[in-house]
PDB file of N, CA and C in Angstrom:
ATOM      1  N   MET A   1     -20.268   0.198  24.502  1.00  0.00           N
ATOM      2  CA  MET A   1     -21.029  -0.870  25.345  1.00  0.00           C
ATOM      3  C   MET A   1     -20.094  -2.120  25.428  1.00  0.00           C
ATOM      4  N   LYS A   2     -20.283  -2.440  26.788  1.00  0.00           N
ATOM      5  CA  LYS A   2     -19.695  -3.887  27.261  1.00  0.00           C
ATOM      6  C   LYS A   2     -20.208  -4.865  26.660  1.00  0.00           C
ATOM      7  N   ILE A   3     -19.509  -5.653  26.404  1.00  0.00           N
ATOM      8  CA  ILE A   3     -19.438  -7.149  25.920  1.00  0.00           C
ATOM      9  C   ILE A   3     -19.275  -8.133  26.954  1.00  0.00           C
ATOM     10  N   ASP A   4     -20.037  -9.179  27.747  1.00  0.00           N
ATOM     11  CA  ASP A   4     -19.410  -9.996  29.019  1.00  0.00           C
ATOM     12  C   ASP A   4     -19.289 -11.270  28.584  1.00  0.00           C
ATOM     13  N   PHE A   5     -18.684 -11.768  27.807  1.00  0.00           N
ATOM     14  CA  PHE A   5     -18.655 -13.305  27.096  1.00  0.00           C
ATOM     15  C   PHE A   5     -18.554 -14.512  28.338  1.00  0.00           C
ATOM     16  N   ARG A   6     -18.588 -13.783  29.154  1.00  0.00           N
ATOM     17  CA  ARG A   6     -18.957 -14.905  30.674  1.00  0.00           C
ATOM     18  C   ARG A   6     -20.373 -15.353  30.398  1.00  0.00           C
ATOM     19  N   LEU A   7     -21.291 -13.927  29.915  1.00  0.00           N
ATOM     20  CA  LEU A   7     -22.510 -14.568  30.282  1.00  0.00           C
ATOM     21  C   LEU A   7     -23.237 -14.876  29.050  1.00  0.00           C
ATOM     22  N   LEU A   8     -22.379 -14.924  27.824  1.00  0.00           N
ATOM     23  CA  LEU A   8     -23.162 -15.544  26.626  1.00  0.00           C
ATOM     24  C   LEU A   8     -23.322 -16.879  26.445  1.00  0.00           C
ATOM     25  N   ASP A   9     -24.080 -17.781  25.729  1.00  0.00           N
ATOM     26  CA  ASP A   9     -24.476 -18.764  25.408  1.00  0.00           C
ATOM     27  C   ASP A   9     -23.217 -19.435  24.616  1.00  0.00           C
ATOM     28  N   GLU A  10     -22.553 -20.255  24.728  1.00  0.00           N
ATOM     29  CA  GLU A  10     -21.975 -21.266  23.385  1.00  0.00           C
ATOM     30  C   GLU A  10     -22.359 -21.676  22.855  1.00  0.00           C
ATOM     31  N   THR A  11     -22.242 -21.521  21.733  1.00  0.00           N
ATOM     32  CA  THR A  11     -22.657 -22.105  20.419  1.00  0.00           C
ATOM     33  C   THR A  11     -21.798 -23.199  19.821  1.00  0.00           C
ATOM     34  N   VAL A  12     -22.032 -24.267  19.181  1.00  0.00           N
ATOM     35  CA  VAL A  12     -21.272 -25.338  18.662  1.00  0.00           C
ATOM     36  C   VAL A  12     -21.503 -25.448  17.260  1.00  0.00           C
ATOM     37  N   LEU A  13     -20.811 -25.137  16.390  1.00  0.00           N
ATOM     38  CA  LEU A  13     -21.167 -25.351  15.040  1.00  0.00           C
ATOM     39  C   LEU A  13     -20.077 -26.266  13.953  1.00  0.00           C
ATOM     40  N   PRO A  14     -20.870 -27.285  13.880  1.00  0.00           N
ATOM     41  CA  PRO A  14     -20.010 -28.356  13.235  1.00  0.00           C
ATOM     42  C   PRO A  14     -19.756 -27.788  11.833  1.00  0.00           C
ATOM     43  N   LYS A  15     -18.667 -28.713  11.266  1.00  0.00           N
ATOM     44  CA  LYS A  15     -17.826 -28.297  10.175  1.00  0.00           C
ATOM     45  C   LYS A  15     -18.409 -26.747   9.539  1.00  0.00           C
ATOM     46  N   PHE A  16     -17.876 -25.436  10.344  1.00  0.00           N
ATOM     47  CA  PHE A  16     -18.095 -24.503  10.405  1.00  0.00           C
ATOM     48  C   PHE A  16     -17.570 -23.886   8.775  1.00  0.00           C
ATOM     49  N   LYS A  17     -18.375 -23.446   7.668  1.00  0.00           N
ATOM     50  CA  LYS A  17     -18.095 -23.137   6.659  1.00  0.00           C
ATOM     51  C   LYS A  17     -17.115 -24.181   5.688  1.00  0.00           C
ATOM     52  N   GLY A  18     -17.546 -25.363   5.884  1.00  0.00           N
ATOM     53  CA  GLY A  18     -17.074 -26.409   5.362  1.00  0.00           C
ATOM     54  C   GLY A  18     -15.610 -26.994   6.081  1.00  0.00           C
ATOM     55  N   GLY A  19     -15.762 -26.748   7.344  1.00  0.00           N
ATOM     56  CA  GLY A  19     -14.526 -27.102   7.760  1.00  0.00           C
ATOM     57  C   GLY A  19     -14.522 -28.301   8.342  1.00  0.00           C
ATOM     58  N   GLU A  20     -13.243 -28.789   9.514  1.00  0.00           N
ATOM     59  CA  GLU A  20     -13.167 -30.058   9.806  1.00  0.00           C
ATOM     60  C   GLU A  20     -13.590 -30.073  11.206  1.00  0.00           C
ATOM     61  N   LYS A  21     -14.347 -31.052  11.965  1.00  0.00           N
ATOM     62  CA  LYS A  21     -14.766 -30.847  12.963  1.00  0.00           C
ATOM     63  C   LYS A  21     -15.658 -29.515  14.034  1.00  0.00           C
ATOM     64  N   GLN A  22     -15.442 -29.088  14.695  1.00  0.00           N
ATOM     65  CA  GLN A  22     -16.555 -28.013  14.865  1.00  0.00           C
ATOM     66  C   GLN A  22     -15.763 -26.832  15.420  1.00  0.00           C
ATOM     67  N   LEU A  23     -16.438 -25.494  15.378  1.00  0.00           N
ATOM     68  CA  LEU A  23     -15.965 -24.542  16.287  1.00  0.00           C
ATOM     69  C   LEU A  23     -16.980 -24.348  17.390  1.00  0.00           C
ATOM     70  N   VAL A  24     -16.457 -23.918  18.611  1.00  0.00           N
ATOM     71  CA  VAL A  24     -17.279 -23.574  19.623  1.00  0.00           C
ATOM     72  C   VAL A  24     -16.912 -22.043  19.795  1.00  0.00           C
ATOM     73  N   ALA A  25     -18.175 -21.543  20.138  1.00  0.00           N
ATOM     74  CA  ALA A  25     -18.149 -19.731  19.963  1.00  0.00           C
ATOM     75  C   ALA A  25     -18.987 -19.442  20.858  1.00  0.00           C
ATOM     76  N   LYS A  26     -18.399 -18.105  21.682  1.00  0.00           N
ATOM     77  CA  LYS A  26     -19.467 -17.380  22.104  1.00  0.00           C
ATOM     78  C   LYS A  26     -19.760 -15.894  21.417  1.00  0.00           C
ATOM     79  N   MET A  27     -20.644 -15.675  20.745  1.00  0.00           N
ATOM     80  CA  MET A  27     -20.939 -14.341  19.883  1.00  0.00           C
ATOM     81  C   MET A  27     -22.064 -13.430  20.186  1.00  0.00           C
ATOM     82  N   PHE A  28     -21.530 -12.564  19.943  1.00  0.00           N
ATOM     83  CA  PHE A  28     -22.213 -11.273  20.091  1.00  0.00           C
ATOM     84  C   PHE A  28     -22.561 -10.847  18.371  1.00  0.00           C
ATOM     85  N   THR A  29     -23.792 -10.585  18.152  1.00  0.00           N
ATOM     86  CA  THR A  29     -23.698 -10.236  16.661  1.00  0.00           C
ATOM     87  C   THR A  29     -24.838  -9.224  16.838  1.00  0.00           C
ATOM     88  N   ASP A  30     -24.845  -8.081  15.769  1.00  0.00           N
ATOM     89  CA  ASP A  30     -25.847  -7.184  15.508  1.00  0.00           C
ATOM     90  C   ASP A  30     -25.781  -7.191  14.007  1.00  0.00           C
ATOM     91  N   GLU A  31     -26.724  -6.040  13.037  1.00  0.00           N
ATOM     92  CA  GLU A  31     -26.742  -5.591  11.920  1.00  0.00           C
ATOM     93  C   GLU A  31     -25.175  -5.387  11.224  1.00  0.00           C
ATOM     94  N   ARG A  32     -24.159  -5.200  11.643  1.00  0.00           N
ATOM     95  CA  ARG A  32     -23.107  -4.831  10.958  1.00  0.00           C
ATOM     96  C   ARG A  32     -21.559  -5.698  11.342  1.00  0.00           C
ATOM     97  N   ASN A  33     -21.871  -6.388  12.645  1.00  0.00           N
ATOM     98  CA  ASN A  33     -20.635  -6.977  12.912  1.00  0.00           C
ATOM     99  C   ASN A  33     -21.201  -8.297  14.062  1.00  0.00           C
ATOM    100  N   ARG A  34     -20.104  -9.413  13.926  1.00  0.00           N
ATOM    101  CA  ARG A  34     -20.092 -10.386  14.604  1.00  0.00           C
ATOM    102  C   ARG A  34     -18.866 -10.643  15.784  1.00  0.00           C
ATOM    103  N   ILE A  35     -18.871 -10.689  17.030  1.00  0.00           N
ATOM    104  CA  ILE A  35     -17.596 -10.190  17.586  1.00  0.00           C
ATOM    105  C   ILE A  35     -17.791 -11.666  18.307  1.00  0.00           C
ATOM    106  N   MET A  36     -16.581 -12.389  18.505  1.00  0.00           N
ATOM    107  CA  MET A  36     -16.849 -13.887  19.072  1.00  0.00           C
ATOM    108  C   MET A  36     -15.303 -14.387  19.709  1.00  0.00           C
ATOM    109  N   LYS A  37     -15.687 -15.168  20.993  1.00  0.00           N
ATOM    110  CA  LYS A  37     -14.340 -15.552  21.345  1.00  0.00           C
ATOM    111  C   LYS A  37     -14.673 -17.036  20.949  1.00  0.00           C
ATOM    112  N   ALA A  38     -13.696 -17.734  20.462  1.00  0.00           N
ATOM    113  CA  ALA A  38     -13.907 -19.110  20.250  1.00  0.00           C
ATOM    114  C   ALA A  38     -12.995 -20.086  20.367  1.00  0.00           C
ATOM    115  N   LYS A  39     -13.330 -21.089  20.228  1.00  0.00           N
ATOM    116  CA  LYS A  39     -12.107 -22.431  19.937  1.00  0.00           C
ATOM    117  C   LYS A  39     -12.349 -23.384  18.880  1.00  0.00           C
ATOM    118  N   LEU A  40     -11.502 -23.958  18.512  1.00  0.00           N
ATOM    119  CA  LEU A  40     -10.915 -25.020  17.395  1.00  0.00           C
ATOM    120  C   LEU A  40     -10.170 -26.169  18.353  1.00  0.00           C
ATOM    121  N   GLU A  41     -10.914 -27.111  18.784  1.00  0.00           N
ATOM    122  CA  GLU A  41      -9.880 -28.166  19.020  1.00  0.00           C
ATOM    123  C   GLU A  41      -8.781 -29.072  18.084  1.00  0.00           C
ATOM    124  N   PRO A  42      -7.862 -29.591  18.546  1.00  0.00           N
ATOM    125  CA  PRO A  42      -6.932 -30.257  17.537  1.00  0.00           C
ATOM    126  C   PRO A  42      -7.520 -30.932  16.515  1.00  0.00           C
ATOM    127  N   GLY A  43      -6.769 -30.491  15.224  1.00  0.00           N
ATOM    128  CA  GLY A  43      -7.347 -31.275  14.322  1.00  0.00           C
ATOM    129  C   GLY A  43      -8.961 -30.418  13.231  1.00  0.00           C
ATOM    130  N   ALA A  44      -9.159 -29.175  14.255  1.00  0.00           N
ATOM    131  CA  ALA A  44     -10.775 -28.512  13.671  1.00  0.00           C
ATOM    132  C   ALA A  44      -9.953 -27.402  12.601  1.00  0.00           C
ATOM    133  N   SER A  45     -10.855 -27.010  11.907  1.00  0.00           N
ATOM    134  CA  SER A  45     -10.581 -25.932  11.285  1.00  0.00           C
ATOM    135  C   SER A  45     -12.103 -25.263  10.850  1.00  0.00           C
ATOM    136  N   ILE A  46     -11.795 -23.890  10.406  1.00  0.00           N
ATOM    137  CA  ILE A  46     -13.059 -23.454   9.744  1.00  0.00           C
ATOM    138  C   ILE A  46     -12.792 -23.439   8.404  1.00  0.00           C
ATOM    139  N   GLY A  47     -13.528 -23.921   6.859  1.00  0.00           N
ATOM    140  CA  GLY A  47     -13.244 -23.881   6.149  1.00  0.00           C
ATOM    141  C   GLY A  47     -12.735 -22.821   5.081  1.00  0.00           C
ATOM    142  N   LEU A  48     -12.347 -22.893   4.025  1.00  0.00           N
ATOM    143  CA  LEU A  48     -11.982 -21.961   3.277  1.00  0.00           C
ATOM    144  C   LEU A  48     -13.122 -21.127   2.592  1.00  0.00           C
ATOM    145  N   HIS A  49     -13.382 -19.729   3.039  1.00  0.00           N
ATOM    146  CA  HIS A  49     -14.141 -18.901   2.422  1.00  0.00           C
ATOM    147  C   HIS A  49     -13.719 -17.424   2.052  1.00  0.00           C
ATOM    148  N   THR A  50     -14.537 -16.970   1.678  1.00  0.00           N
ATOM    149  CA  THR A  50     -14.363 -15.246   0.798  1.00  0.00           C
ATOM    150  C   THR A  50     -15.097 -14.568   1.562  1.00  0.00           C
ATOM    151  N   HIS A  51     -14.528 -13.293   2.140  1.00  0.00           N
ATOM    152  CA  HIS A  51     -15.080 -12.213   2.618  1.00  0.00           C
ATOM    153  C   HIS A  51     -15.583 -11.238   1.889  1.00  0.00           C
ATOM    154  N   ASP A  52     -16.489 -11.594   1.106  1.00  0.00           N
ATOM    155  CA  ASP A  52     -17.212 -10.374   0.178  1.00  0.00           C
ATOM    156  C   ASP A  52     -17.787  -9.308   0.191  1.00  0.00           C
ATOM    157  N   THR A  53     -18.341  -9.290   1.667  1.00  0.00           N
ATOM    158  CA  THR A  53     -19.090  -8.061   2.168  1.00  0.00           C
ATOM    159  C   THR A  53     -18.466  -7.599   3.358  1.00  0.00           C
ATOM    160  N   SER A  54     -17.223  -7.999   3.829  1.00  0.00           N
ATOM    161  CA  SER A  54     -16.783  -8.086   5.465  1.00  0.00           C
ATOM    162  C   SER A  54     -15.317  -8.198   5.593  1.00  0.00           C
ATOM    163  N   SER A  55     -14.542  -7.844   6.130  1.00  0.00           N
ATOM    164  CA  SER A  55     -13.178  -8.278   6.825  1.00  0.00           C
ATOM    165  C   SER A  55     -13.287  -8.953   8.078  1.00  0.00           C
ATOM    166  N   GLU A  56     -12.011  -9.577   8.538  1.00  0.00           N
ATOM    167  CA  GLU A  56     -12.109 -10.166   9.850  1.00  0.00           C
ATOM    168  C   GLU A  56     -10.776 -10.410  10.240  1.00  0.00           C
ATOM    169  N   ILE A  57     -10.789  -9.921  11.519  1.00  0.00           N
ATOM    170  CA  ILE A  57      -9.646 -10.058  12.429  1.00  0.00           C
ATOM    171  C   ILE A  57      -9.670 -10.603  13.689  1.00  0.00           C
ATOM    172  N   ILE A  58      -8.543 -11.736  13.368  1.00  0.00           N
ATOM    173  CA  ILE A  58      -8.476 -12.830  14.335  1.00  0.00           C
ATOM    174  C   ILE A  58      -7.261 -12.705  15.370  1.00  0.00           C
ATOM    175  N   TYR A  59      -7.567 -12.500  16.471  1.00  0.00           N
ATOM    176  CA  TYR A  59      -6.248 -12.545  17.478  1.00  0.00           C
ATOM    177  C   TYR A  59      -6.136 -13.869  18.426  1.00  0.00           C
ATOM    178  N   VAL A  60      -5.227 -14.545  18.307  1.00  0.00           N
ATOM    179  CA  VAL A  60      -4.910 -16.001  18.899  1.00  0.00           C
ATOM    180  C   VAL A  60      -4.395 -15.350  20.625  1.00  0.00           C
ATOM    181  N   LEU A  61      -5.413 -16.065  21.443  1.00  0.00           N
ATOM    182  CA  LEU A  61      -5.201 -15.853  22.456  1.00  0.00           C
ATOM    183  C   LEU A  61      -4.394 -17.158  23.550  1.00  0.00           C
ATOM    184  N   SER A  62      -4.157 -18.528  23.049  1.00  0.00           N
ATOM    185  CA  SER A  62      -3.861 -19.164  23.051  1.00  0.00           C
ATOM    186  C   SER A  62      -3.679 -20.768  22.166  1.00  0.00           C
ATOM    187  N   GLY A  63      -2.911 -21.411  22.145  1.00  0.00           N
ATOM    188  CA  GLY A  63      -2.685 -22.543  21.422  1.00  0.00           C
ATOM    189  C   GLY A  63      -2.095 -22.267  20.146  1.00  0.00           C
ATOM    190  N   LYS A  64      -1.912 -23.197  19.025  1.00  0.00           N
ATOM    191  CA  LYS A  64      -0.892 -22.588  18.057  1.00  0.00           C
ATOM    192  C   LYS A  64      -1.707 -23.104  16.890  1.00  0.00           C
ATOM    193  N   GLY A  65      -1.647 -23.003  15.453  1.00  0.00           N
ATOM    194  CA  GLY A  65      -2.142 -22.884  14.341  1.00  0.00           C
ATOM    195  C   GLY A  65      -1.723 -22.622  12.985  1.00  0.00           C
ATOM    196  N   LYS A  66      -2.642 -22.514  11.805  1.00  0.00           N
ATOM    197  CA  LYS A  66      -2.479 -21.629  10.933  1.00  0.00           C
ATOM    198  C   LYS A  66      -3.550 -21.338  10.067  1.00  0.00           C
ATOM    199  N   ALA A  67      -3.219 -19.774   9.239  1.00  0.00           N
ATOM    200  CA  ALA A  67      -4.421 -19.393   8.828  1.00  0.00           C
ATOM    201  C   ALA A  67      -3.793 -19.512   7.369  1.00  0.00           C
ATOM    202  N   VAL A  68      -4.609 -19.605   6.361  1.00  0.00           N
ATOM    203  CA  VAL A  68      -4.013 -19.662   4.898  1.00  0.00           C
ATOM    204  C   VAL A  68      -4.810 -18.620   4.031  1.00  0.00           C
ATOM    205  N   CYS A  69      -4.291 -17.331   3.557  1.00  0.00           N
ATOM    206  CA  CYS A  69      -4.774 -16.274   3.038  1.00  0.00           C
ATOM    207  C   CYS A  69      -4.764 -16.217   1.725  1.00  0.00           C
ATOM    208  N   ASN A  70      -5.205 -16.143   0.789  1.00  0.00           N
ATOM    209  CA  ASN A  70      -5.228 -16.228  -0.707  1.00  0.00           C
ATOM    210  C   ASN A  70      -4.036 -17.093  -1.282  1.00  0.00           C
ATOM    211  N   GLY A  71      -3.903 -18.335  -0.391  1.00  0.00           N
ATOM    212  CA  GLY A  71      -3.104 -19.358  -0.726  1.00  0.00           C
ATOM    213  C   GLY A  71      -1.761 -18.984  -0.063  1.00  0.00           C
ATOM    214  N   TYR A  72      -1.217 -17.718   0.937  1.00  0.00           N
ATOM    215  CA  TYR A  72      -0.196 -17.730   1.724  1.00  0.00           C
ATOM    216  C   TYR A  72      -0.358 -18.521   3.136  1.00  0.00           C
ATOM    217  N   VAL A  73       0.380 -19.186   3.604  1.00  0.00           N
ATOM    218  CA  VAL A  73       0.554 -20.163   5.014  1.00  0.00           C
ATOM    219  C   VAL A  73       0.906 -18.830   6.172  1.00  0.00           C
ATOM    220  N   GLU A  74       0.166 -18.586   6.829  1.00  0.00           N
ATOM    221  CA  GLU A  74       0.970 -17.902   8.020  1.00  0.00           C
ATOM    222  C   GLU A  74       0.731 -18.664   9.533  1.00  0.00           C
ATOM    223  N   ARG A  75       1.810 -18.982  10.003  1.00  0.00           N
ATOM    224  CA  ARG A  75       1.738 -19.713  11.426  1.00  0.00           C
ATOM    225  C   ARG A  75       1.521 -18.581  12.410  1.00  0.00           C
ATOM    226  N   LEU A  76       0.642 -19.181  13.039  1.00  0.00           N
ATOM    227  CA  LEU A  76      -0.132 -18.538  14.324  1.00  0.00           C
ATOM    228  C   LEU A  76       0.014 -18.785  15.786  1.00  0.00           C
ATOM    229  N   GLU A  77       0.258 -17.980  16.708  1.00  0.00           N
ATOM    230  CA  GLU A  77       0.460 -18.710  18.348  1.00  0.00           C
ATOM    231  C   GLU A  77      -0.184 -17.481  18.972  1.00  0.00           C
ATOM    232  N   ALA A  78      -0.100 -17.611  20.299  1.00  0.00           N
ATOM    233  CA  ALA A  78      -0.454 -16.810  21.071  1.00  0.00           C
ATOM    234  C   ALA A  78      -0.277 -15.300  20.855  1.00  0.00           C
ATOM    235  N   ASP A  79      -0.628 -14.045  21.061  1.00  0.00           N
ATOM    236  CA  ASP A  79      -0.167 -12.503  20.737  1.00  0.00           C
ATOM    237  C   ASP A  79      -0.314 -12.494  19.045  1.00  0.00           C
ATOM    238  N   ASP A  80      -0.590 -13.462  18.495  1.00  0.00           N
ATOM    239  CA  ASP A  80      -0.316 -13.234  16.723  1.00  0.00           C
ATOM    240  C   ASP A  80      -1.941 -12.500  16.316  1.00  0.00           C
ATOM    241  N   CYS A  81      -1.805 -11.777  15.098  1.00  0.00           N
ATOM    242  CA  CYS A  81      -3.223 -11.308  14.696  1.00  0.00           C
ATOM    243  C   CYS A  81      -3.187 -11.664  13.223  1.00  0.00           C
ATOM    244  N   HIS A  82      -3.895 -12.068  12.706  1.00  0.00           N
ATOM    245  CA  HIS A  82      -4.458 -12.588  11.492  1.00  0.00           C
ATOM    246  C   HIS A  82      -5.470 -11.311  11.027  1.00  0.00           C
ATOM    247  N   TYR A  83      -5.275 -10.913   9.616  1.00  0.00           N
ATOM    248  CA  TYR A  83      -6.563 -10.028   9.527  1.00  0.00           C
ATOM    249  C   TYR A  83      -6.920 -10.122   7.850  1.00  0.00           C
ATOM    250  N   CYS A  84      -8.145 -10.546   7.423  1.00  0.00           N
ATOM    251  CA  CYS A  84      -8.686 -11.079   6.368  1.00  0.00           C
ATOM    252  C   CYS A  84      -9.179 -10.199   5.528  1.00  0.00           C
ATOM    253  N   PRO A  85      -8.680  -9.134   4.532  1.00  0.00           N
ATOM    254  CA  PRO A  85      -9.678  -8.049   4.085  1.00  0.00           C
ATOM    255  C   PRO A  85     -10.649  -8.330   3.386  1.00  0.00           C
ATOM    256  N   LYS A  86     -11.375  -7.346   3.044  1.00  0.00           N
ATOM    257  CA  LYS A  86     -12.833  -7.557   2.242  1.00  0.00           C
ATOM    258  C   LYS A  86     -12.369  -8.249   0.971  1.00  0.00           C
ATOM    259  N   GLU A  87     -13.183  -9.149   0.413  1.00  0.00           N
ATOM    260  CA  GLU A  87     -13.155  -9.607  -0.916  1.00  0.00           C
ATOM    261  C   GLU A  87     -11.541 -10.476  -0.944  1.00  0.00           C
ATOM    262  N   GLU A  88     -11.125 -11.032   0.372  1.00  0.00           N
ATOM    263  CA  GLU A  88     -10.031 -11.921   0.389  1.00  0.00           C
ATOM    264  C   GLU A  88     -10.819 -13.109   0.971  1.00  0.00           C
ATOM    265  N   THR A  89      -9.636 -14.370   0.790  1.00  0.00           N
ATOM    266  CA  THR A  89     -10.290 -15.640   0.940  1.00  0.00           C
ATOM    267  C   THR A  89      -9.086 -16.427   1.946  1.00  0.00           C
ATOM    268  N   HIS A  90      -9.908 -16.814   3.141  1.00  0.00           N
ATOM    269  CA  HIS A  90      -8.951 -17.448   4.143  1.00  0.00           C
ATOM    270  C   HIS A  90      -9.563 -18.692   4.838  1.00  0.00           C
ATOM    271  N   THR A  91      -8.852 -19.479   5.222  1.00  0.00           N
ATOM    272  CA  THR A  91      -9.484 -20.587   6.701  1.00  0.00           C
ATOM    273  C   THR A  91      -8.419 -20.402   7.819  1.00  0.00           C
ATOM    274  N   LEU A  92      -8.576 -21.180   8.513  1.00  0.00           N
ATOM    275  CA  LEU A  92      -7.848 -21.076  10.086  1.00  0.00           C
ATOM    276  C   LEU A  92      -7.911 -22.441  10.488  1.00  0.00           C
ATOM    277  N   ILE A  93      -6.623 -22.948  10.633  1.00  0.00           N
ATOM    278  CA  ILE A  93      -6.638 -24.721  11.221  1.00  0.00           C
ATOM    279  C   ILE A  93      -5.613 -24.450  12.352  1.00  0.00           C
ATOM    280  N   ASN A  94      -6.453 -25.546  13.224  1.00  0.00           N
ATOM    281  CA  ASN A  94      -5.915 -25.924  14.378  1.00  0.00           C
ATOM    282  C   ASN A  94      -5.050 -26.955  13.979  1.00  0.00           C
ATOM    283  N   ASP A  95      -4.000 -26.930  13.937  1.00  0.00           N
ATOM    284  CA  ASP A  95      -2.796 -28.452  13.581  1.00  0.00           C
ATOM    285  C   ASP A  95      -1.953 -28.446  14.655  1.00  0.00           C
ATOM    286  N   GLY A  96      -2.202 -28.094  15.895  1.00  0.00           N
ATOM    287  CA  GLY A  96      -1.335 -28.210  17.262  1.00  0.00           C
ATOM    288  C   GLY A  96      -1.906 -29.120  17.981  1.00  0.00           C
ATOM    289  N   ASP A  97      -1.384 -29.085  18.969  1.00  0.00           N
ATOM    290  CA  ASP A  97      -1.639 -30.142  19.846  1.00  0.00           C
ATOM    291  C   ASP A  97      -2.695 -29.756  21.422  1.00  0.00           C
ATOM    292  N   GLU A  98      -2.843 -28.908  21.084  1.00  0.00           N
ATOM    293  CA  GLU A  98      -3.868 -28.228  22.272  1.00  0.00           C
ATOM    294  C   GLU A  98      -4.859 -27.190  21.391  1.00  0.00           C
ATOM    295  N   ASP A  99      -6.052 -26.835  22.130  1.00  0.00           N
ATOM    296  CA  ASP A  99      -6.836 -25.885  21.490  1.00  0.00           C
ATOM    297  C   ASP A  99      -6.446 -24.711  21.213  1.00  0.00           C
ATOM    298  N   LEU A 100      -6.805 -24.437  20.033  1.00  0.00           N
ATOM    299  CA  LEU A 100      -6.763 -23.060  19.317  1.00  0.00           C
ATOM    300  C   LEU A 100      -7.952 -22.165  20.016  1.00  0.00           C
ATOM    301  N   ILE A 101      -7.608 -21.122  20.554  1.00  0.00           N
ATOM    302  CA  ILE A 101      -8.320 -20.104  21.509  1.00  0.00           C
ATOM    303  C   ILE A 101      -8.211 -18.583  20.942  1.00  0.00           C
ATOM    304  N   PHE A 102      -9.281 -18.081  20.445  1.00  0.00           N
ATOM    305  CA  PHE A 102      -9.012 -16.952  19.871  1.00  0.00           C
ATOM    306  C   PHE A 102     -10.224 -15.988  19.662  1.00  0.00           C
ATOM    307  N   PHE A 103     -10.019 -14.780  19.281  1.00  0.00           N
ATOM    308  CA  PHE A 103     -10.921 -13.861  19.513  1.00  0.00           C
ATOM    309  C   PHE A 103     -11.012 -13.119  18.110  1.00  0.00           C
ATOM    310  N   ALA A 104     -12.347 -12.880  17.660  1.00  0.00           N
ATOM    311  CA  ALA A 104     -12.319 -12.304  16.057  1.00  0.00           C
ATOM    312  C   ALA A 104     -13.667 -11.378  15.976  1.00  0.00           C
ATOM    313  N   VAL A 105     -13.225 -10.565  14.909  1.00  0.00           N
ATOM    314  CA  VAL A 105     -14.402  -9.494  14.757  1.00  0.00           C
ATOM    315  C   VAL A 105     -14.701  -9.456  13.360  1.00  0.00           C
ATOM    316  N   VAL A 106     -15.920  -9.948  12.735  1.00  0.00           N
ATOM    317  CA  VAL A 106     -16.094 -10.156  11.698  1.00  0.00           C
ATOM    318  C   VAL A 106     -16.908  -8.367  11.042  1.00  0.00           C
ATOM    319  N   ALA A 107     -16.320  -7.761  10.364  1.00  0.00           N
ATOM    320  CA  ALA A 107     -17.302  -6.099   9.944  1.00  0.00           C
ATOM    321  C   ALA A 107     -17.853  -5.996   8.628  1.00  0.00           C
ATOM    322  N   GLN A 108     -18.931  -5.966   9.082  1.00  0.00           N
ATOM    323  CA  GLN A 108     -19.616  -5.870   7.297  1.00  0.00           C
ATOM    324  C   GLN A 108     -18.890  -4.167   6.939  1.00  0.00           C
ATOM    325  N   GLN A 109     -18.793  -3.976   5.662  1.00  0.00           N
ATOM    326  CA  GLN A 109     -18.030  -2.957   5.008  1.00  0.00           C
ATOM    327  C   GLN A 109     -18.942  -2.633   3.934  1.00  0.00           C
TER     328      GLN A 109
END
């Protein structure tokens, strides 16, 4: 199945998962998965949260930032991939000076 993100509406999620500023995303969701292309502006973050029933893969398209997974800091930039397995806790933070653009898949397990 092809998903054309150019045709999807943009969703603005203020303080997503308790984070700072807002997450802007184009999302496809079904009963098992969420697939999104998203943006965090400088200073924005996704709040710390646990994947109780899912895992998440984040692939950075552009910009710089960091993920904190179970207390371990990972620096991220274009072409880096962050993986948060089921039952682990993470956050994504744009501490750079340009938009952090990424592709993410949240798969229910």
